[in-house]
Amino acid sequence: MLKKVNVVVFDFDGTISASDSNWEFFKYCFKHSFRPWFYIPSVIAGFVGRIVNPDGIWWRETIRCFITPKMVQNFSNKVVELHKKNRFGWVKEQVEKEKSAGNKVVLISASPDYLIPKLVKDIKFDAVICSKMDEKKPYKYKFLCWGKNKIIALDNWAKENKYIPNVVCAYSDSKNDMPIMKIAREKVWINSRTGMRKK
């Protein structure tokens, strides 16, 4: 039998952490490996594709086409260590507060599965949902957890746990999250630079 539960949803990049974890990994790769530099034409083509089709997957994969399993293995932990310093101070306490109120607290992020779970390992989310990448080709998406797909991801998690989710609150910094923000009773917009709630 399905159980109705109140859910609070958090975005990651720009919402509970300053800067973008994808971008930080991208920059780290360029600083610590020669390989990305040989892919500059593809990276540029990907950024052009982003302008033409912001919702697309092709440009996302093209920008990241230089990423290998070895780079993920060698660099991800170091990027996580550095990026954790960008987290906004209020997050951990707020998650605990929401859980104390009896809500299920779920993080849903478009960033990859080789970064996000490690970045929030110390925070007691009931679920951490993010983009699923191909382990053999970590620049390729198995599931892009972005836009409307965040609702699909939340519904899949709920079905697996036999829940009927009632989104009582959602935290985000980006209009890309409008689909999930629209189904939330309360919408909390965060300033990605300061970590403060927008008025």
N, C-alpha and C. Protein backbone atom coordinates (compact mmCIF):
# COMPACT_ATOMS: atom_id res chain seq x y z
N MET A 1 0.84 -1.19 0.00
CA MET A 1 0.00 0.00 0.00
C MET A 1 0.88 1.25 0.00
N LEU A 2 0.52 2.22 -0.80
CA LEU A 2 1.30 3.44 -0.91
C LEU A 2 1.05 4.36 0.29
N LYS A 3 2.14 5.00 0.73
CA LYS A 3 2.08 5.90 1.87
C LYS A 3 2.35 7.33 1.41
N LYS A 4 1.47 8.25 1.75
CA LYS A 4 1.68 9.65 1.38
C LYS A 4 2.70 10.27 2.32
N VAL A 5 3.74 10.90 1.74
CA VAL A 5 4.78 11.52 2.55
C VAL A 5 5.04 12.95 2.07
N ASN A 6 5.35 13.80 3.02
CA ASN A 6 5.75 15.16 2.69
C ASN A 6 7.24 15.17 2.34
N VAL A 7 7.56 15.81 1.23
CA VAL A 7 8.92 15.81 0.73
C VAL A 7 9.44 17.23 0.56
N VAL A 8 10.68 17.44 0.97
CA VAL A 8 11.38 18.70 0.73
C VAL A 8 12.51 18.40 -0.24
N VAL A 9 12.56 19.16 -1.33
CA VAL A 9 13.54 18.92 -2.39
C VAL A 9 14.58 20.03 -2.41
N PHE A 10 15.84 19.63 -2.49
CA PHE A 10 16.94 20.58 -2.64
C PHE A 10 17.66 20.35 -3.96
N ASP A 11 17.96 21.45 -4.65
CA ASP A 11 18.90 21.41 -5.76
C ASP A 11 20.29 21.47 -5.13
N PHE A 12 21.35 21.22 -5.93
CA PHE A 12 22.70 21.29 -5.37
C PHE A 12 23.46 22.53 -5.83
N ASP A 13 23.90 22.54 -7.08
CA ASP A 13 24.75 23.61 -7.58
C ASP A 13 24.05 24.97 -7.51
N GLY A 14 24.66 25.90 -6.79
CA GLY A 14 24.09 27.24 -6.68
C GLY A 14 23.03 27.36 -5.61
N THR A 15 22.57 26.23 -5.09
CA THR A 15 21.52 26.25 -4.07
C THR A 15 22.09 25.94 -2.69
N ILE A 16 22.78 24.84 -2.57
CA ILE A 16 23.41 24.54 -1.28
C ILE A 16 24.93 24.66 -1.37
N SER A 17 25.41 24.94 -2.58
CA SER A 17 26.85 25.09 -2.77
C SER A 17 27.12 26.15 -3.83
N ALA A 18 28.05 27.04 -3.54
CA ALA A 18 28.42 28.05 -4.52
C ALA A 18 29.20 27.40 -5.65
N SER A 19 29.19 28.05 -6.79
CA SER A 19 29.87 27.53 -7.98
C SER A 19 29.16 26.28 -8.47
N ASP A 20 29.69 25.66 -9.50
CA ASP A 20 29.06 24.51 -10.14
C ASP A 20 30.03 23.33 -10.12
N SER A 21 29.60 22.21 -9.57
CA SER A 21 30.49 21.05 -9.41
C SER A 21 30.98 20.52 -10.76
N ASN A 22 30.09 20.53 -11.76
CA ASN A 22 30.49 20.12 -13.11
C ASN A 22 31.62 21.00 -13.64
N TRP A 23 31.43 22.30 -13.47
CA TRP A 23 32.41 23.27 -13.96
C TRP A 23 33.73 23.13 -13.20
N GLU A 24 33.65 22.88 -11.90
CA GLU A 24 34.86 22.70 -11.09
C GLU A 24 35.65 21.47 -11.53
N PHE A 25 34.94 20.40 -11.84
CA PHE A 25 35.61 19.19 -12.33
C PHE A 25 36.23 19.46 -13.69
N PHE A 26 35.50 20.16 -14.54
CA PHE A 26 35.97 20.54 -15.88
C PHE A 26 37.28 21.32 -15.78
N LYS A 27 37.31 22.33 -14.93
CA LYS A 27 38.51 23.15 -14.77
C LYS A 27 39.67 22.35 -14.19
N TYR A 28 39.36 21.48 -13.23
CA TYR A 28 40.42 20.67 -12.60
C TYR A 28 41.09 19.77 -13.63
N CYS A 29 40.28 19.20 -14.52
CA CYS A 29 40.82 18.33 -15.57
C CYS A 29 41.79 19.10 -16.47
N PHE A 30 41.42 20.32 -16.84
CA PHE A 30 42.28 21.13 -17.70
C PHE A 30 43.58 21.54 -16.99
N LYS A 31 43.50 21.71 -15.68
CA LYS A 31 44.68 22.13 -14.93
C LYS A 31 45.65 20.98 -14.66
N HIS A 32 45.13 19.75 -14.62
CA HIS A 32 45.95 18.62 -14.20
C HIS A 32 46.13 17.52 -15.24
N SER A 33 45.72 17.79 -16.47
CA SER A 33 45.89 16.79 -17.53
C SER A 33 46.07 17.49 -18.87
N PHE A 34 46.89 16.90 -19.73
CA PHE A 34 47.08 17.43 -21.09
C PHE A 34 45.93 17.01 -22.01
N ARG A 35 45.29 15.90 -21.67
CA ARG A 35 44.28 15.31 -22.54
C ARG A 35 43.17 16.29 -22.96
N PRO A 36 42.57 17.05 -22.03
CA PRO A 36 41.46 17.95 -22.43
C PRO A 36 41.85 18.97 -23.49
N TRP A 37 43.11 19.39 -23.49
CA TRP A 37 43.55 20.42 -24.43
C TRP A 37 43.49 19.96 -25.88
N PHE A 38 43.60 18.67 -26.09
CA PHE A 38 43.51 18.12 -27.45
C PHE A 38 42.06 18.10 -27.95
N TYR A 39 41.12 18.33 -27.03
CA TYR A 39 39.69 18.27 -27.38
C TYR A 39 39.05 19.66 -27.44
N ILE A 40 39.87 20.69 -27.48
CA ILE A 40 39.35 22.07 -27.51
C ILE A 40 38.32 22.29 -28.62
N PRO A 41 38.57 21.83 -29.88
CA PRO A 41 37.55 22.03 -30.93
C PRO A 41 36.19 21.43 -30.58
N SER A 42 36.21 20.23 -29.98
CA SER A 42 34.95 19.58 -29.59
C SER A 42 34.27 20.35 -28.46
N VAL A 43 35.07 20.83 -27.52
CA VAL A 43 34.53 21.59 -26.40
C VAL A 43 33.85 22.87 -26.90
N ILE A 44 34.50 23.56 -27.84
CA ILE A 44 33.93 24.77 -28.43
C ILE A 44 32.62 24.45 -29.16
N ALA A 45 32.62 23.34 -29.91
CA ALA A 45 31.41 22.92 -30.62
C ALA A 45 30.28 22.65 -29.63
N GLY A 46 30.64 22.07 -28.49
CA GLY A 46 29.63 21.80 -27.46
C GLY A 46 29.02 23.06 -26.90
N PHE A 47 29.84 24.08 -26.67
CA PHE A 47 29.33 25.35 -26.15
C PHE A 47 28.43 26.05 -27.17
N VAL A 48 28.75 25.89 -28.45
CA VAL A 48 27.89 26.43 -29.51
C VAL A 48 26.55 25.69 -29.50
N GLY A 49 26.61 24.37 -29.33
CA GLY A 49 25.40 23.56 -29.27
C GLY A 49 24.51 23.95 -28.10
N ARG A 50 25.14 24.39 -27.02
CA ARG A 50 24.38 24.83 -25.85
C ARG A 50 23.54 26.06 -26.17
N ILE A 51 24.07 26.94 -26.99
CA ILE A 51 23.34 28.14 -27.39
C ILE A 51 22.15 27.77 -28.28
N VAL A 52 22.37 26.83 -29.18
CA VAL A 52 21.34 26.42 -30.14
C VAL A 52 20.23 25.62 -29.46
N ASN A 53 20.62 24.69 -28.57
CA ASN A 53 19.64 23.81 -27.94
C ASN A 53 19.98 23.62 -26.46
N PRO A 54 19.58 24.56 -25.60
CA PRO A 54 19.94 24.50 -24.18
C PRO A 54 19.46 23.24 -23.47
N ASP A 55 18.40 22.62 -23.96
CA ASP A 55 17.85 21.43 -23.32
C ASP A 55 18.53 20.13 -23.76
N GLY A 56 19.40 20.23 -24.76
CA GLY A 56 19.96 19.03 -25.37
C GLY A 56 20.99 18.28 -24.53
N ILE A 57 21.19 17.04 -24.89
CA ILE A 57 22.20 16.20 -24.24
C ILE A 57 23.49 16.20 -25.05
N TRP A 58 23.36 16.31 -26.40
CA TRP A 58 24.54 16.21 -27.27
C TRP A 58 25.64 17.17 -26.86
N TRP A 59 25.30 18.44 -26.65
CA TRP A 59 26.34 19.42 -26.32
C TRP A 59 26.95 19.15 -24.95
N ARG A 60 26.16 18.63 -24.03
CA ARG A 60 26.68 18.30 -22.70
C ARG A 60 27.75 17.21 -22.79
N GLU A 61 27.45 16.21 -23.61
CA GLU A 61 28.41 15.12 -23.78
C GLU A 61 29.63 15.56 -24.58
N THR A 62 29.42 16.44 -25.56
CA THR A 62 30.51 16.92 -26.40
C THR A 62 31.49 17.77 -25.60
N ILE A 63 30.98 18.60 -24.71
CA ILE A 63 31.85 19.42 -23.86
C ILE A 63 32.72 18.54 -22.96
N ARG A 64 32.16 17.41 -22.52
CA ARG A 64 32.86 16.54 -21.59
C ARG A 64 33.56 15.35 -22.26
N CYS A 65 33.64 15.35 -23.58
CA CYS A 65 34.09 14.17 -24.32
C CYS A 65 35.49 13.68 -23.97
N PHE A 66 36.29 14.51 -23.32
CA PHE A 66 37.66 14.12 -22.96
C PHE A 66 37.72 13.32 -21.66
N ILE A 67 36.61 13.27 -20.90
CA ILE A 67 36.63 12.62 -19.59
C ILE A 67 36.68 11.10 -19.73
N THR A 68 37.61 10.49 -19.03
CA THR A 68 37.81 9.04 -19.06
C THR A 68 37.55 8.47 -17.66
N PRO A 69 37.33 7.16 -17.54
CA PRO A 69 37.18 6.55 -16.22
C PRO A 69 38.38 6.82 -15.31
N LYS A 70 39.58 6.84 -15.91
CA LYS A 70 40.79 7.08 -15.13
C LYS A 70 40.79 8.50 -14.56
N MET A 71 40.33 9.47 -15.34
CA MET A 71 40.26 10.85 -14.85
C MET A 71 39.26 10.97 -13.70
N VAL A 72 38.13 10.28 -13.84
CA VAL A 72 37.14 10.28 -12.76
C VAL A 72 37.74 9.68 -11.50
N GLN A 73 38.44 8.58 -11.66
CA GLN A 73 39.07 7.89 -10.53
C GLN A 73 40.14 8.76 -9.86
N ASN A 74 40.95 9.42 -10.67
CA ASN A 74 42.08 10.20 -10.15
C ASN A 74 41.70 11.59 -9.64
N PHE A 75 40.66 12.19 -10.24
CA PHE A 75 40.36 13.58 -9.96
C PHE A 75 39.12 13.83 -9.10
N SER A 76 38.14 12.93 -9.14
CA SER A 76 36.86 13.23 -8.49
C SER A 76 37.00 13.49 -6.99
N ASN A 77 37.75 12.68 -6.29
CA ASN A 77 37.90 12.88 -4.85
C ASN A 77 38.58 14.20 -4.52
N LYS A 78 39.54 14.60 -5.36
CA LYS A 78 40.25 15.86 -5.13
C LYS A 78 39.32 17.05 -5.38
N VAL A 79 38.49 16.95 -6.43
CA VAL A 79 37.53 18.01 -6.71
C VAL A 79 36.50 18.11 -5.59
N VAL A 80 36.06 16.97 -5.09
CA VAL A 80 35.11 16.95 -3.98
C VAL A 80 35.70 17.63 -2.75
N GLU A 81 36.94 17.32 -2.45
CA GLU A 81 37.62 17.92 -1.29
C GLU A 81 37.66 19.44 -1.40
N LEU A 82 37.96 19.94 -2.60
CA LEU A 82 38.03 21.38 -2.82
C LEU A 82 36.63 22.01 -2.84
N HIS A 83 35.68 21.33 -3.50
CA HIS A 83 34.36 21.91 -3.70
C HIS A 83 33.53 21.95 -2.42
N LYS A 84 33.81 21.07 -1.48
CA LYS A 84 33.07 21.06 -0.22
C LYS A 84 33.21 22.39 0.52
N LYS A 85 34.29 23.09 0.26
CA LYS A 85 34.54 24.38 0.90
C LYS A 85 33.56 25.44 0.41
N ASN A 86 32.88 25.16 -0.70
CA ASN A 86 31.93 26.12 -1.28
C ASN A 86 30.51 26.00 -0.73
N ARG A 87 30.31 25.03 0.15
CA ARG A 87 28.96 24.80 0.66
C ARG A 87 28.51 25.94 1.57
N PHE A 88 27.24 26.30 1.44
CA PHE A 88 26.68 27.35 2.29
C PHE A 88 26.43 26.80 3.70
N GLY A 89 26.71 27.62 4.69
CA GLY A 89 26.70 27.17 6.08
C GLY A 89 25.35 26.73 6.64
N TRP A 90 24.26 27.22 6.08
CA TRP A 90 22.94 26.94 6.63
C TRP A 90 22.38 25.58 6.24
N VAL A 91 23.00 24.93 5.27
CA VAL A 91 22.39 23.75 4.63
C VAL A 91 22.19 22.58 5.59
N LYS A 92 23.24 22.17 6.24
CA LYS A 92 23.18 20.98 7.09
C LYS A 92 22.12 21.12 8.18
N GLU A 93 22.09 22.28 8.81
CA GLU A 93 21.12 22.55 9.87
C GLU A 93 19.70 22.56 9.33
N GLN A 94 19.51 23.10 8.12
CA GLN A 94 18.18 23.15 7.53
C GLN A 94 17.67 21.77 7.18
N VAL A 95 18.55 20.92 6.67
CA VAL A 95 18.16 19.54 6.35
C VAL A 95 17.71 18.82 7.62
N GLU A 96 18.48 18.98 8.68
CA GLU A 96 18.12 18.35 9.97
C GLU A 96 16.78 18.88 10.49
N LYS A 97 16.56 20.17 10.30
CA LYS A 97 15.31 20.80 10.73
C LYS A 97 14.12 20.23 9.96
N GLU A 98 14.29 20.07 8.66
CA GLU A 98 13.20 19.51 7.82
C GLU A 98 12.90 18.06 8.21
N LYS A 99 13.95 17.30 8.50
CA LYS A 99 13.76 15.91 8.90
C LYS A 99 13.08 15.82 10.26
N SER A 100 13.43 16.72 11.16
CA SER A 100 12.82 16.75 12.48
C SER A 100 11.33 17.07 12.41
N ALA A 101 10.96 17.79 11.34
CA ALA A 101 9.54 18.14 11.14
C ALA A 101 8.77 16.97 10.52
N GLY A 102 9.46 15.87 10.26
CA GLY A 102 8.80 14.68 9.73
C GLY A 102 8.79 14.59 8.21
N ASN A 103 9.55 15.48 7.55
CA ASN A 103 9.60 15.46 6.08
C ASN A 103 10.71 14.55 5.58
N LYS A 104 10.49 13.98 4.41
CA LYS A 104 11.55 13.29 3.70
C LYS A 104 12.33 14.37 2.94
N VAL A 105 13.65 14.32 3.03
CA VAL A 105 14.47 15.36 2.40
C VAL A 105 15.29 14.74 1.28
N VAL A 106 15.07 15.26 0.08
CA VAL A 106 15.68 14.66 -1.12
C VAL A 106 16.50 15.70 -1.86
N LEU A 107 17.72 15.32 -2.20
CA LEU A 107 18.56 16.16 -3.05
C LEU A 107 18.43 15.66 -4.48
N ILE A 108 18.12 16.56 -5.40
CA ILE A 108 18.01 16.18 -6.82
C ILE A 108 18.87 17.14 -7.63
N SER A 109 19.89 16.59 -8.28
CA SER A 109 20.87 17.42 -8.98
C SER A 109 21.14 16.92 -10.39
N ALA A 110 21.43 17.86 -11.28
CA ALA A 110 21.81 17.50 -12.65
C ALA A 110 23.27 17.08 -12.75
N SER A 111 24.04 17.34 -11.71
CA SER A 111 25.46 16.99 -11.73
C SER A 111 25.64 15.47 -11.65
N PRO A 112 26.83 14.99 -12.03
CA PRO A 112 27.04 13.56 -12.20
C PRO A 112 27.16 12.74 -10.92
N ASP A 113 26.91 11.44 -11.07
CA ASP A 113 26.93 10.52 -9.94
C ASP A 113 28.33 10.26 -9.39
N TYR A 114 29.37 10.69 -10.10
CA TYR A 114 30.72 10.51 -9.56
C TYR A 114 31.15 11.70 -8.70
N LEU A 115 30.26 12.70 -8.55
CA LEU A 115 30.57 13.85 -7.69
C LEU A 115 29.56 14.03 -6.55
N ILE A 116 28.28 14.09 -6.90
CA ILE A 116 27.25 14.51 -5.94
C ILE A 116 27.16 13.65 -4.68
N PRO A 117 27.07 12.32 -4.76
CA PRO A 117 26.97 11.54 -3.52
C PRO A 117 28.14 11.79 -2.57
N LYS A 118 29.33 11.98 -3.12
CA LYS A 118 30.51 12.24 -2.29
C LYS A 118 30.44 13.63 -1.67
N LEU A 119 29.89 14.59 -2.41
CA LEU A 119 29.82 15.97 -1.94
C LEU A 119 28.86 16.16 -0.77
N VAL A 120 27.88 15.27 -0.66
CA VAL A 120 26.87 15.43 0.41
C VAL A 120 26.83 14.21 1.34
N LYS A 121 27.91 13.46 1.35
CA LYS A 121 27.96 12.24 2.15
C LYS A 121 27.72 12.50 3.63
N ASP A 122 28.13 13.68 4.10
CA ASP A 122 28.02 14.01 5.52
C ASP A 122 26.66 14.61 5.89
N ILE A 123 25.79 14.81 4.91
CA ILE A 123 24.45 15.34 5.17
C ILE A 123 23.44 14.20 5.06
N LYS A 124 22.53 14.13 6.01
CA LYS A 124 21.62 12.98 6.07
C LYS A 124 20.37 13.17 5.21
N PHE A 125 20.58 13.22 3.90
CA PHE A 125 19.44 13.23 2.98
C PHE A 125 18.79 11.85 2.97
N ASP A 126 17.48 11.82 2.79
CA ASP A 126 16.80 10.53 2.65
C ASP A 126 17.09 9.90 1.31
N ALA A 127 17.40 10.74 0.33
CA ALA A 127 17.78 10.24 -0.99
C ALA A 127 18.64 11.29 -1.69
N VAL A 128 19.62 10.80 -2.42
CA VAL A 128 20.47 11.66 -3.25
C VAL A 128 20.32 11.18 -4.68
N ILE A 129 19.70 12.02 -5.51
CA ILE A 129 19.40 11.66 -6.89
C ILE A 129 20.16 12.61 -7.81
N CYS A 130 20.84 12.05 -8.80
CA CYS A 130 21.63 12.89 -9.70
C CYS A 130 21.70 12.23 -11.08
N SER A 131 22.38 12.90 -11.99
CA SER A 131 22.52 12.34 -13.34
C SER A 131 23.36 11.06 -13.29
N LYS A 132 22.89 10.06 -14.02
CA LYS A 132 23.61 8.78 -14.06
C LYS A 132 24.48 8.75 -15.31
N MET A 133 25.76 8.51 -15.08
CA MET A 133 26.71 8.51 -16.17
C MET A 133 27.15 7.09 -16.52
N ASP A 134 27.60 6.91 -17.76
CA ASP A 134 28.14 5.63 -18.21
C ASP A 134 29.52 5.44 -17.59
N GLU A 135 29.71 4.37 -16.84
CA GLU A 135 30.99 4.16 -16.15
C GLU A 135 32.16 4.02 -17.12
N LYS A 136 31.93 3.38 -18.26
CA LYS A 136 33.01 3.18 -19.23
C LYS A 136 33.26 4.44 -20.06
N LYS A 137 32.22 5.25 -20.24
CA LYS A 137 32.33 6.51 -20.97
C LYS A 137 31.67 7.59 -20.11
N PRO A 138 32.37 8.08 -19.07
CA PRO A 138 31.74 8.97 -18.08
C PRO A 138 31.32 10.34 -18.58
N TYR A 139 31.52 10.61 -19.86
CA TYR A 139 31.00 11.85 -20.44
C TYR A 139 29.60 11.62 -21.01
N LYS A 140 29.17 10.36 -21.08
CA LYS A 140 27.86 10.02 -21.63
C LYS A 140 26.83 9.84 -20.51
N TYR A 141 25.61 10.28 -20.80
CA TYR A 141 24.52 10.20 -19.83
C TYR A 141 23.68 8.94 -20.03
N LYS A 142 23.42 8.25 -18.93
CA LYS A 142 22.40 7.21 -18.93
C LYS A 142 21.05 7.86 -18.58
N PHE A 143 21.13 8.88 -17.73
CA PHE A 143 19.92 9.65 -17.36
C PHE A 143 20.35 11.05 -16.97
N LEU A 144 19.83 12.04 -17.68
CA LEU A 144 20.11 13.44 -17.36
C LEU A 144 19.05 13.94 -16.39
N CYS A 145 19.45 14.19 -15.17
CA CYS A 145 18.52 14.61 -14.12
C CYS A 145 18.42 16.14 -14.12
N TRP A 146 17.69 16.67 -15.09
CA TRP A 146 17.62 18.11 -15.32
C TRP A 146 16.22 18.49 -15.79
N GLY A 147 15.75 19.66 -15.38
CA GLY A 147 14.44 20.13 -15.83
C GLY A 147 13.31 19.19 -15.44
N LYS A 148 12.49 18.82 -16.40
CA LYS A 148 11.35 17.93 -16.15
C LYS A 148 11.78 16.56 -15.65
N ASN A 149 13.00 16.17 -16.01
CA ASN A 149 13.49 14.85 -15.59
C ASN A 149 13.66 14.75 -14.07
N LYS A 150 13.75 15.89 -13.41
CA LYS A 150 13.84 15.85 -11.95
C LYS A 150 12.54 15.33 -11.33
N ILE A 151 11.42 15.66 -11.97
CA ILE A 151 10.13 15.15 -11.49
C ILE A 151 10.05 13.64 -11.73
N ILE A 152 10.52 13.21 -12.89
CA ILE A 152 10.55 11.77 -13.20
C ILE A 152 11.41 11.04 -12.19
N ALA A 153 12.57 11.61 -11.87
CA ALA A 153 13.48 10.99 -10.90
C ALA A 153 12.84 10.90 -9.52
N LEU A 154 12.14 11.96 -9.12
CA LEU A 154 11.46 11.96 -7.82
C LEU A 154 10.36 10.92 -7.79
N ASP A 155 9.58 10.84 -8.86
CA ASP A 155 8.50 9.84 -8.95
C ASP A 155 9.05 8.42 -8.90
N ASN A 156 10.17 8.18 -9.58
CA ASN A 156 10.78 6.84 -9.57
C ASN A 156 11.24 6.46 -8.17
N TRP A 157 11.85 7.42 -7.48
CA TRP A 157 12.28 7.16 -6.10
C TRP A 157 11.07 6.85 -5.21
N ALA A 158 10.01 7.62 -5.39
CA ALA A 158 8.80 7.43 -4.60
C ALA A 158 8.19 6.04 -4.84
N LYS A 159 8.12 5.64 -6.10
CA LYS A 159 7.56 4.32 -6.44
C LYS A 159 8.37 3.20 -5.82
N GLU A 160 9.69 3.33 -5.88
CA GLU A 160 10.57 2.32 -5.31
C GLU A 160 10.36 2.16 -3.80
N ASN A 161 10.00 3.26 -3.16
CA ASN A 161 9.80 3.24 -1.71
C ASN A 161 8.33 3.17 -1.30
N LYS A 162 7.46 3.02 -2.31
CA LYS A 162 6.01 2.92 -2.09
C LYS A 162 5.45 4.18 -1.41
N TYR A 163 5.92 5.32 -1.90
CA TYR A 163 5.46 6.61 -1.40
C TYR A 163 4.59 7.31 -2.44
N ILE A 164 3.72 8.18 -1.94
CA ILE A 164 3.07 9.19 -2.77
C ILE A 164 3.65 10.52 -2.33
N PRO A 165 4.51 11.13 -3.15
CA PRO A 165 5.20 12.34 -2.70
C PRO A 165 4.34 13.60 -2.75
N ASN A 166 4.36 14.33 -1.67
CA ASN A 166 3.71 15.63 -1.60
C ASN A 166 4.83 16.64 -1.35
N VAL A 167 5.22 17.37 -2.39
CA VAL A 167 6.34 18.29 -2.27
C VAL A 167 5.90 19.55 -1.53
N VAL A 168 6.27 19.64 -0.28
CA VAL A 168 5.85 20.77 0.55
C VAL A 168 6.77 21.98 0.37
N CYS A 169 8.01 21.71 -0.03
CA CYS A 169 8.95 22.81 -0.21
C CYS A 169 10.06 22.41 -1.17
N ALA A 170 10.52 23.35 -1.97
CA ALA A 170 11.63 23.09 -2.89
C ALA A 170 12.59 24.27 -2.86
N TYR A 171 13.88 23.95 -2.82
CA TYR A 171 14.94 24.96 -2.80
C TYR A 171 15.70 24.91 -4.12
N SER A 172 15.87 26.07 -4.75
CA SER A 172 16.63 26.13 -5.99
C SER A 172 17.14 27.54 -6.24
N ASP A 173 18.15 27.63 -7.09
CA ASP A 173 18.67 28.93 -7.50
C ASP A 173 18.36 29.23 -8.96
N SER A 174 17.84 28.22 -9.69
CA SER A 174 17.76 28.34 -11.14
C SER A 174 16.35 28.15 -11.70
N LYS A 175 16.05 28.92 -12.75
CA LYS A 175 14.76 28.78 -13.44
C LYS A 175 14.66 27.44 -14.17
N ASN A 176 15.79 26.77 -14.36
CA ASN A 176 15.77 25.43 -14.96
C ASN A 176 14.99 24.44 -14.11
N ASP A 177 14.83 24.79 -12.83
CA ASP A 177 14.09 23.92 -11.91
C ASP A 177 12.62 24.28 -11.80
N MET A 178 12.12 25.11 -12.69
CA MET A 178 10.72 25.52 -12.64
C MET A 178 9.74 24.34 -12.61
N PRO A 179 9.98 23.25 -13.40
CA PRO A 179 9.03 22.13 -13.36
C PRO A 179 8.79 21.60 -11.95
N ILE A 180 9.89 21.40 -11.20
CA ILE A 180 9.71 20.85 -9.85
C ILE A 180 9.30 21.93 -8.86
N MET A 181 9.70 23.17 -9.12
CA MET A 181 9.27 24.26 -8.24
C MET A 181 7.76 24.49 -8.34
N LYS A 182 7.21 24.27 -9.52
CA LYS A 182 5.78 24.48 -9.73
C LYS A 182 4.91 23.53 -8.91
N ILE A 183 5.44 22.32 -8.63
CA ILE A 183 4.63 21.35 -7.88
C ILE A 183 4.86 21.48 -6.37
N ALA A 184 5.76 22.39 -5.97
CA ALA A 184 6.04 22.58 -4.55
C ALA A 184 5.08 23.59 -3.93
N ARG A 185 4.62 23.30 -2.73
CA ARG A 185 3.73 24.22 -2.03
C ARG A 185 4.45 25.53 -1.70
N GLU A 186 5.70 25.40 -1.23
CA GLU A 186 6.52 26.57 -0.93
C GLU A 186 7.77 26.54 -1.80
N LYS A 187 8.10 27.68 -2.38
CA LYS A 187 9.28 27.78 -3.25
C LYS A 187 10.30 28.70 -2.59
N VAL A 188 11.51 28.18 -2.40
CA VAL A 188 12.57 28.97 -1.80
C VAL A 188 13.66 29.17 -2.85
N TRP A 189 13.78 30.42 -3.31
CA TRP A 189 14.78 30.74 -4.32
C TRP A 189 16.03 31.26 -3.62
N ILE A 190 17.17 30.68 -3.99
CA ILE A 190 18.44 31.00 -3.34
C ILE A 190 19.32 31.81 -4.28
N ASN A 191 19.99 32.81 -3.73
CA ASN A 191 20.98 33.57 -4.49
C ASN A 191 22.26 32.72 -4.54
N SER A 192 22.66 32.30 -5.74
CA SER A 192 23.77 31.37 -5.89
C SER A 192 25.12 31.97 -5.47
N ARG A 193 25.19 33.28 -5.38
CA ARG A 193 26.44 33.93 -4.98
C ARG A 193 26.57 34.05 -3.47
N THR A 194 25.46 34.34 -2.83
CA THR A 194 25.51 34.58 -1.38
C THR A 194 25.00 33.41 -0.55
N GLY A 195 24.17 32.55 -1.17
CA GLY A 195 23.56 31.46 -0.43
C GLY A 195 22.34 31.90 0.37
N MET A 196 21.98 33.17 0.24
CA MET A 196 20.83 33.71 0.97
C MET A 196 19.55 33.56 0.17
N ARG A 197 18.44 33.53 0.89
CA ARG A 197 17.13 33.44 0.25
C ARG A 197 16.82 34.74 -0.51
N LYS A 198 16.34 34.59 -1.73
CA LYS A 198 15.93 35.77 -2.49
C LYS A 198 14.59 36.26 -1.98
N LYS A 199 14.41 37.58 -1.99
CA LYS A 199 13.14 38.15 -1.53
C LYS A 199 12.18 38.30 -2.69
